[in-house]
């Protein structure tokens, strides 16, 4: 399927309205400021309508960590309980979003994959600015490692070691690691 067709489907208001009526939100594709804003708007509207549960389906390679934290904070801010369902790829900033809810509300489909790692940067510039940016990235890494450690009940030291390089997990490994609490095969298991 072409990128144009994917975008057309994603931006289809009728399809999005039907999805929202089921109190479901899709987090797919790269996390950008724009995609994070869209997810946040959907969550805020659903929360204002009712405190009934919301389900977020995640299939994302990650992306902008600030966008990821914005979704993470919004999920924790709203009143409605949220369940996260990992399907396909849940990587990087998308794994952060997954961890916004208690472990019992984090599930994955059998063939889902997960990636945790340290933040990436493509900073360029003068030495002073690069050093400042490196310090910010290091602080961000510590913050992300703590979020992962708290959510998985692992030590920050263990998580830091795991995120030193890309740490890939299939659904059974994500279950064992504590990223998800259950592998489900059907919606009735939610």
C-alpha atoms as a PDB file:
ATOM      1  CA  UNK A   1       0.000   0.000   0.000  1.00  0.00           C
ATOM      2  CA  UNK A   2       1.344   3.399  -0.938  1.00  0.00           C
ATOM      3  CA  UNK A   3       2.165   6.059   1.666  1.00  0.00           C
ATOM      4  CA  UNK A   4      -0.544   8.256   0.129  1.00  0.00           C
ATOM      5  CA  UNK A   5      -3.171   5.551   0.612  1.00  0.00           C
ATOM      6  CA  UNK A   6      -2.045   4.928   4.208  1.00  0.00           C
ATOM      7  CA  UNK A   7      -2.299   8.663   4.939  1.00  0.00           C
ATOM      8  CA  UNK A   8      -5.755   8.828   3.318  1.00  0.00           C
ATOM      9  CA  UNK A   9      -6.990   5.953   5.506  1.00  0.00           C
ATOM     10  CA  UNK A  10      -5.424   7.456   8.654  1.00  0.00           C
ATOM     11  CA  UNK A  11      -7.023  10.827   7.989  1.00  0.00           C
ATOM     12  CA  UNK A  12     -10.451   9.400   7.094  1.00  0.00           C
ATOM     13  CA  UNK A  13     -12.786  11.267   9.470  1.00  0.00           C
ATOM     14  CA  UNK A  14     -15.598   8.710   9.169  1.00  0.00           C
ATOM     15  CA  UNK A  15     -13.266   5.848  10.057  1.00  0.00           C
ATOM     16  CA  UNK A  16     -11.766   7.831  12.940  1.00  0.00           C
ATOM     17  CA  UNK A  17     -15.263   8.694  14.235  1.00  0.00           C
ATOM     18  CA  UNK A  18     -16.260   5.016  14.183  1.00  0.00           C
ATOM     19  CA  UNK A  19     -13.073   4.083  16.026  1.00  0.00           C
ATOM     20  CA  UNK A  20     -13.628   6.760  18.667  1.00  0.00           C
ATOM     21  CA  UNK A  21     -17.197   5.523  19.234  1.00  0.00           C
ATOM     22  CA  UNK A  22     -15.635   2.257  20.379  1.00  0.00           C
ATOM     23  CA  UNK A  23     -13.419   4.318  22.764  1.00  0.00           C
ATOM     24  CA  UNK A  24     -10.367   3.150  20.842  1.00  0.00           C
ATOM     25  CA  UNK A  25      -7.351   5.203  19.766  1.00  0.00           C
ATOM     26  CA  UNK A  26      -4.675   4.145  17.279  1.00  0.00           C
ATOM     27  CA  UNK A  27      -1.049   5.166  17.756  1.00  0.00           C
ATOM     28  CA  UNK A  28       0.530   4.101  14.483  1.00  0.00           C
ATOM     29  CA  UNK A  29       3.496   5.240  12.472  1.00  0.00           C
ATOM     30  CA  UNK A  30       6.203   7.582  13.656  1.00  0.00           C
ATOM     31  CA  UNK A  31       5.494   9.636  16.759  1.00  0.00           C
ATOM     32  CA  UNK A  32       5.753  13.279  15.772  1.00  0.00           C
ATOM     33  CA  UNK A  33       4.465  16.438  17.416  1.00  0.00           C
ATOM     34  CA  UNK A  34       1.461  16.271  15.077  1.00  0.00           C
ATOM     35  CA  UNK A  35       0.629  12.594  15.685  1.00  0.00           C
ATOM     36  CA  UNK A  36       1.051  13.075  19.455  1.00  0.00           C
ATOM     37  CA  UNK A  37      -1.295  16.081  19.348  1.00  0.00           C
ATOM     38  CA  UNK A  38      -3.886  13.994  17.494  1.00  0.00           C
ATOM     39  CA  UNK A  39      -3.740  11.172  20.059  1.00  0.00           C
ATOM     40  CA  UNK A  40      -3.900  13.662  22.936  1.00  0.00           C
ATOM     41  CA  UNK A  41      -6.939  15.415  21.431  1.00  0.00           C
ATOM     42  CA  UNK A  42      -8.708  12.068  21.043  1.00  0.00           C
ATOM     43  CA  UNK A  43      -7.924  11.082  24.640  1.00  0.00           C
ATOM     44  CA  UNK A  44      -9.115  14.405  26.039  1.00  0.00           C
ATOM     45  CA  UNK A  45     -12.375  14.254  24.067  1.00  0.00           C
ATOM     46  CA  UNK A  46     -13.072  10.648  25.083  1.00  0.00           C
ATOM     47  CA  UNK A  47     -12.294  11.463  28.714  1.00  0.00           C
ATOM     48  CA  UNK A  48     -14.628  14.494  28.653  1.00  0.00           C
ATOM     49  CA  UNK A  49     -17.468  12.336  27.334  1.00  0.00           C
ATOM     50  CA  UNK A  50     -17.216   9.526  29.863  1.00  0.00           C
ATOM     51  CA  UNK A  51     -14.950   7.833  32.387  1.00  0.00           C
ATOM     52  CA  UNK A  52     -15.478   4.503  30.618  1.00  0.00           C
ATOM     53  CA  UNK A  53     -12.261   2.668  29.679  1.00  0.00           C
ATOM     54  CA  UNK A  54     -10.227   3.655  26.620  1.00  0.00           C
ATOM     55  CA  UNK A  55      -8.047   1.284  24.593  1.00  0.00           C
ATOM     56  CA  UNK A  56      -4.928   2.494  22.790  1.00  0.00           C
ATOM     57  CA  UNK A  57      -3.583   0.205  20.069  1.00  0.00           C
ATOM     58  CA  UNK A  58       0.132   0.793  19.444  1.00  0.00           C
ATOM     59  CA  UNK A  59       2.015  -0.109  16.262  1.00  0.00           C
ATOM     60  CA  UNK A  60       4.815   2.435  16.046  1.00  0.00           C
ATOM     61  CA  UNK A  61       8.562   2.583  15.473  1.00  0.00           C
ATOM     62  CA  UNK A  62       8.691   5.434  17.998  1.00  0.00           C
ATOM     63  CA  UNK A  63      10.003   8.847  17.151  1.00  0.00           C
ATOM     64  CA  UNK A  64       9.951  12.132  19.023  1.00  0.00           C
ATOM     65  CA  UNK A  65      10.504  11.466  22.731  1.00  0.00           C
ATOM     66  CA  UNK A  66       8.826  14.748  23.702  1.00  0.00           C
ATOM     67  CA  UNK A  67       5.721  13.645  21.794  1.00  0.00           C
ATOM     68  CA  UNK A  68       5.958  10.280  23.552  1.00  0.00           C
ATOM     69  CA  UNK A  69       6.150  11.949  26.962  1.00  0.00           C
ATOM     70  CA  UNK A  70       3.201  14.215  26.049  1.00  0.00           C
ATOM     71  CA  UNK A  71       1.032  11.151  25.341  1.00  0.00           C
ATOM     72  CA  UNK A  72       2.429   9.353  28.418  1.00  0.00           C
ATOM     73  CA  UNK A  73       1.553  12.309  30.677  1.00  0.00           C
ATOM     74  CA  UNK A  74      -1.915  12.744  29.137  1.00  0.00           C
ATOM     75  CA  UNK A  75      -2.788   9.062  29.680  1.00  0.00           C
ATOM     76  CA  UNK A  76      -1.822   9.468  33.329  1.00  0.00           C
ATOM     77  CA  UNK A  77      -3.653  12.833  33.566  1.00  0.00           C
ATOM     78  CA  UNK A  78      -7.106  11.785  32.353  1.00  0.00           C
ATOM     79  CA  UNK A  79      -9.692  10.071  34.559  1.00  0.00           C
ATOM     80  CA  UNK A  80     -10.712   7.249  32.235  1.00  0.00           C
ATOM     81  CA  UNK A  81      -8.697   4.050  32.683  1.00  0.00           C
ATOM     82  CA  UNK A  82      -6.577   3.238  29.629  1.00  0.00           C
ATOM     83  CA  UNK A  83      -5.493  -0.173  28.364  1.00  0.00           C
ATOM     84  CA  UNK A  84      -2.521  -0.394  26.001  1.00  0.00           C
ATOM     85  CA  UNK A  85      -2.405  -3.111  23.344  1.00  0.00           C
ATOM     86  CA  UNK A  86       0.920  -3.731  21.625  1.00  0.00           C
ATOM     87  CA  UNK A  87       0.601  -5.004  18.078  1.00  0.00           C
ATOM     88  CA  UNK A  88       3.200  -5.121  15.369  1.00  0.00           C
ATOM     89  CA  UNK A  89       6.101  -2.948  16.521  1.00  0.00           C
ATOM     90  CA  UNK A  90       6.226  -1.025  19.813  1.00  0.00           C
ATOM     91  CA  UNK A  91       9.608   0.673  19.732  1.00  0.00           C
ATOM     92  CA  UNK A  92      11.480   3.516  21.359  1.00  0.00           C
ATOM     93  CA  UNK A  93       9.086   6.386  22.254  1.00  0.00           C
ATOM     94  CA  UNK A  94       6.134   4.053  21.586  1.00  0.00           C
ATOM     95  CA  UNK A  95       7.463   1.720  24.317  1.00  0.00           C
ATOM     96  CA  UNK A  96       7.473   4.750  26.624  1.00  0.00           C
ATOM     97  CA  UNK A  97       3.786   5.384  25.827  1.00  0.00           C
ATOM     98  CA  UNK A  98       3.011   1.714  26.544  1.00  0.00           C
ATOM     99  CA  UNK A  99       4.394   2.154  30.067  1.00  0.00           C
ATOM    100  CA  UNK A 100       1.999   4.977  30.979  1.00  0.00           C
ATOM    101  CA  UNK A 101      -0.483   2.532  32.515  1.00  0.00           C
ATOM    102  CA  UNK A 102      -0.210  -0.042  35.312  1.00  0.00           C
ATOM    103  CA  UNK A 103       1.174  -3.411  34.218  1.00  0.00           C
ATOM    104  CA  UNK A 104      -2.203  -5.179  34.383  1.00  0.00           C
ATOM    105  CA  UNK A 105      -3.450  -2.842  31.621  1.00  0.00           C
ATOM    106  CA  UNK A 106      -0.504  -3.486  29.270  1.00  0.00           C
ATOM    107  CA  UNK A 107      -1.033  -6.396  26.902  1.00  0.00           C
ATOM    108  CA  UNK A 108       0.434  -7.545  23.625  1.00  0.00           C
ATOM    109  CA  UNK A 109      -0.623  -9.610  20.663  1.00  0.00           C
ATOM    110  CA  UNK A 110       1.365 -12.805  20.038  1.00  0.00           C
ATOM    111  CA  UNK A 111       3.525 -11.474  17.202  1.00  0.00           C
ATOM    112  CA  UNK A 112       4.249  -8.033  18.618  1.00  0.00           C
ATOM    113  CA  UNK A 113       7.861  -6.851  19.037  1.00  0.00           C
ATOM    114  CA  UNK A 114       9.312  -4.314  21.446  1.00  0.00           C
ATOM    115  CA  UNK A 115      12.429  -2.138  21.471  1.00  0.00           C
ATOM    116  CA  UNK A 116      13.895  -0.169  24.349  1.00  0.00           C
ATOM    117  CA  UNK A 117      17.076   1.854  23.987  1.00  0.00           C
ATOM    118  CA  UNK A 118      18.735   5.099  24.933  1.00  0.00           C
ATOM    119  CA  UNK A 119      17.547   8.306  23.236  1.00  0.00           C
ATOM    120  CA  UNK A 120      18.910   9.085  19.789  1.00  0.00           C
ATOM    121  CA  UNK A 121      20.170  12.464  18.663  1.00  0.00           C
ATOM    122  CA  UNK A 122      21.357  14.058  15.441  1.00  0.00           C
ATOM    123  CA  UNK A 123      22.683  17.242  17.019  1.00  0.00           C
ATOM    124  CA  UNK A 124      24.999  19.394  14.974  1.00  0.00           C
ATOM    125  CA  UNK A 125      26.561  22.715  15.747  1.00  0.00           C
ATOM    126  CA  UNK A 126      29.355  24.344  17.638  1.00  0.00           C
ATOM    127  CA  UNK A 127      31.137  22.427  20.390  1.00  0.00           C
ATOM    128  CA  UNK A 128      29.456  24.279  23.249  1.00  0.00           C
ATOM    129  CA  UNK A 129      25.966  23.601  21.905  1.00  0.00           C
ATOM    130  CA  UNK A 130      26.792  19.942  21.244  1.00  0.00           C
ATOM    131  CA  UNK A 131      28.035  19.561  24.842  1.00  0.00           C
ATOM    132  CA  UNK A 132      24.874  21.181  26.209  1.00  0.00           C
ATOM    133  CA  UNK A 133      22.747  18.893  24.038  1.00  0.00           C
ATOM    134  CA  UNK A 134      24.742  15.828  25.132  1.00  0.00           C
ATOM    135  CA  UNK A 135      24.065  16.720  28.768  1.00  0.00           C
ATOM    136  CA  UNK A 136      20.330  17.020  28.065  1.00  0.00           C
ATOM    137  CA  UNK A 137      20.319  13.669  26.240  1.00  0.00           C
ATOM    138  CA  UNK A 138      22.115  12.010  29.176  1.00  0.00           C
ATOM    139  CA  UNK A 139      19.533  13.430  31.618  1.00  0.00           C
ATOM    140  CA  UNK A 140      16.747  12.253  29.315  1.00  0.00           C
ATOM    141  CA  UNK A 141      18.278   8.773  29.189  1.00  0.00           C
ATOM    142  CA  UNK A 142      18.310   8.612  33.007  1.00  0.00           C
ATOM    143  CA  UNK A 143      14.661   9.710  33.066  1.00  0.00           C
ATOM    144  CA  UNK A 144      13.642   7.070  30.496  1.00  0.00           C
ATOM    145  CA  UNK A 145      15.581   4.329  32.297  1.00  0.00           C
ATOM    146  CA  UNK A 146      13.782   5.234  35.535  1.00  0.00           C
ATOM    147  CA  UNK A 147      10.368   5.099  33.835  1.00  0.00           C
ATOM    148  CA  UNK A 148      11.177   1.654  32.417  1.00  0.00           C
ATOM    149  CA  UNK A 149      12.589   0.442  35.757  1.00  0.00           C
ATOM    150  CA  UNK A 150       9.555   1.649  37.720  1.00  0.00           C
ATOM    151  CA  UNK A 151       7.115   0.087  35.244  1.00  0.00           C
ATOM    152  CA  UNK A 152       8.894  -3.268  35.014  1.00  0.00           C
ATOM    153  CA  UNK A 153      10.054  -3.549  38.648  1.00  0.00           C
ATOM    154  CA  UNK A 154      13.665  -3.846  37.483  1.00  0.00           C
ATOM    155  CA  UNK A 155      16.569  -1.891  38.887  1.00  0.00           C
ATOM    156  CA  UNK A 156      17.629   1.272  37.109  1.00  0.00           C
ATOM    157  CA  UNK A 157      21.095  -0.273  36.765  1.00  0.00           C
ATOM    158  CA  UNK A 158      19.706  -3.332  34.962  1.00  0.00           C
ATOM    159  CA  UNK A 159      17.578  -1.202  32.637  1.00  0.00           C
ATOM    160  CA  UNK A 160      20.507   1.124  31.949  1.00  0.00           C
ATOM    161  CA  UNK A 161      22.626  -1.868  30.973  1.00  0.00           C
ATOM    162  CA  UNK A 162      19.828  -3.172  28.719  1.00  0.00           C
ATOM    163  CA  UNK A 163      19.296   0.185  27.020  1.00  0.00           C
ATOM    164  CA  UNK A 164      22.993   0.752  26.371  1.00  0.00           C
ATOM    165  CA  UNK A 165      22.328  -0.746  22.930  1.00  0.00           C
ATOM    166  CA  UNK A 166      19.069  -1.630  21.143  1.00  0.00           C
ATOM    167  CA  UNK A 167      17.261  -4.196  23.303  1.00  0.00           C
ATOM    168  CA  UNK A 168      14.742  -6.137  21.199  1.00  0.00           C
ATOM    169  CA  UNK A 169      12.058  -8.334  22.732  1.00  0.00           C
ATOM    170  CA  UNK A 170       9.404 -10.550  21.178  1.00  0.00           C
ATOM    171  CA  UNK A 171       6.047 -10.705  22.986  1.00  0.00           C
ATOM    172  CA  UNK A 172       7.043 -13.621  25.243  1.00  0.00           C
ATOM    173  CA  UNK A 173      10.259 -11.805  26.202  1.00  0.00           C
ATOM    174  CA  UNK A 174       8.365  -8.535  26.763  1.00  0.00           C
ATOM    175  CA  UNK A 175       6.037 -10.453  29.079  1.00  0.00           C
ATOM    176  CA  UNK A 176       8.978 -11.876  31.027  1.00  0.00           C
ATOM    177  CA  UNK A 177      10.684  -8.440  31.148  1.00  0.00           C
ATOM    178  CA  UNK A 178       7.514  -6.798  32.487  1.00  0.00           C
ATOM    179  CA  UNK A 179       6.748  -4.489  29.563  1.00  0.00           C
ATOM    180  CA  UNK A 180       3.399  -6.281  29.178  1.00  0.00           C
ATOM    181  CA  UNK A 181       1.442  -8.409  31.650  1.00  0.00           C
ATOM    182  CA  UNK A 182      -0.325 -10.725  29.246  1.00  0.00           C
ATOM    183  CA  UNK A 183      -0.268 -11.967  25.662  1.00  0.00           C
ATOM    184  CA  UNK A 184      -3.767 -12.003  24.214  1.00  0.00           C
ATOM    185  CA  UNK A 185      -5.201 -13.599  21.087  1.00  0.00           C
ATOM    186  CA  UNK A 186      -8.614 -11.949  20.954  1.00  0.00           C
ATOM    187  CA  UNK A 187     -10.373  -8.751  21.982  1.00  0.00           C
ATOM    188  CA  UNK A 188     -12.536 -10.716  24.399  1.00  0.00           C
ATOM    189  CA  UNK A 189      -9.419 -11.190  26.580  1.00  0.00           C
ATOM    190  CA  UNK A 190      -9.104  -7.452  27.274  1.00  0.00           C
END
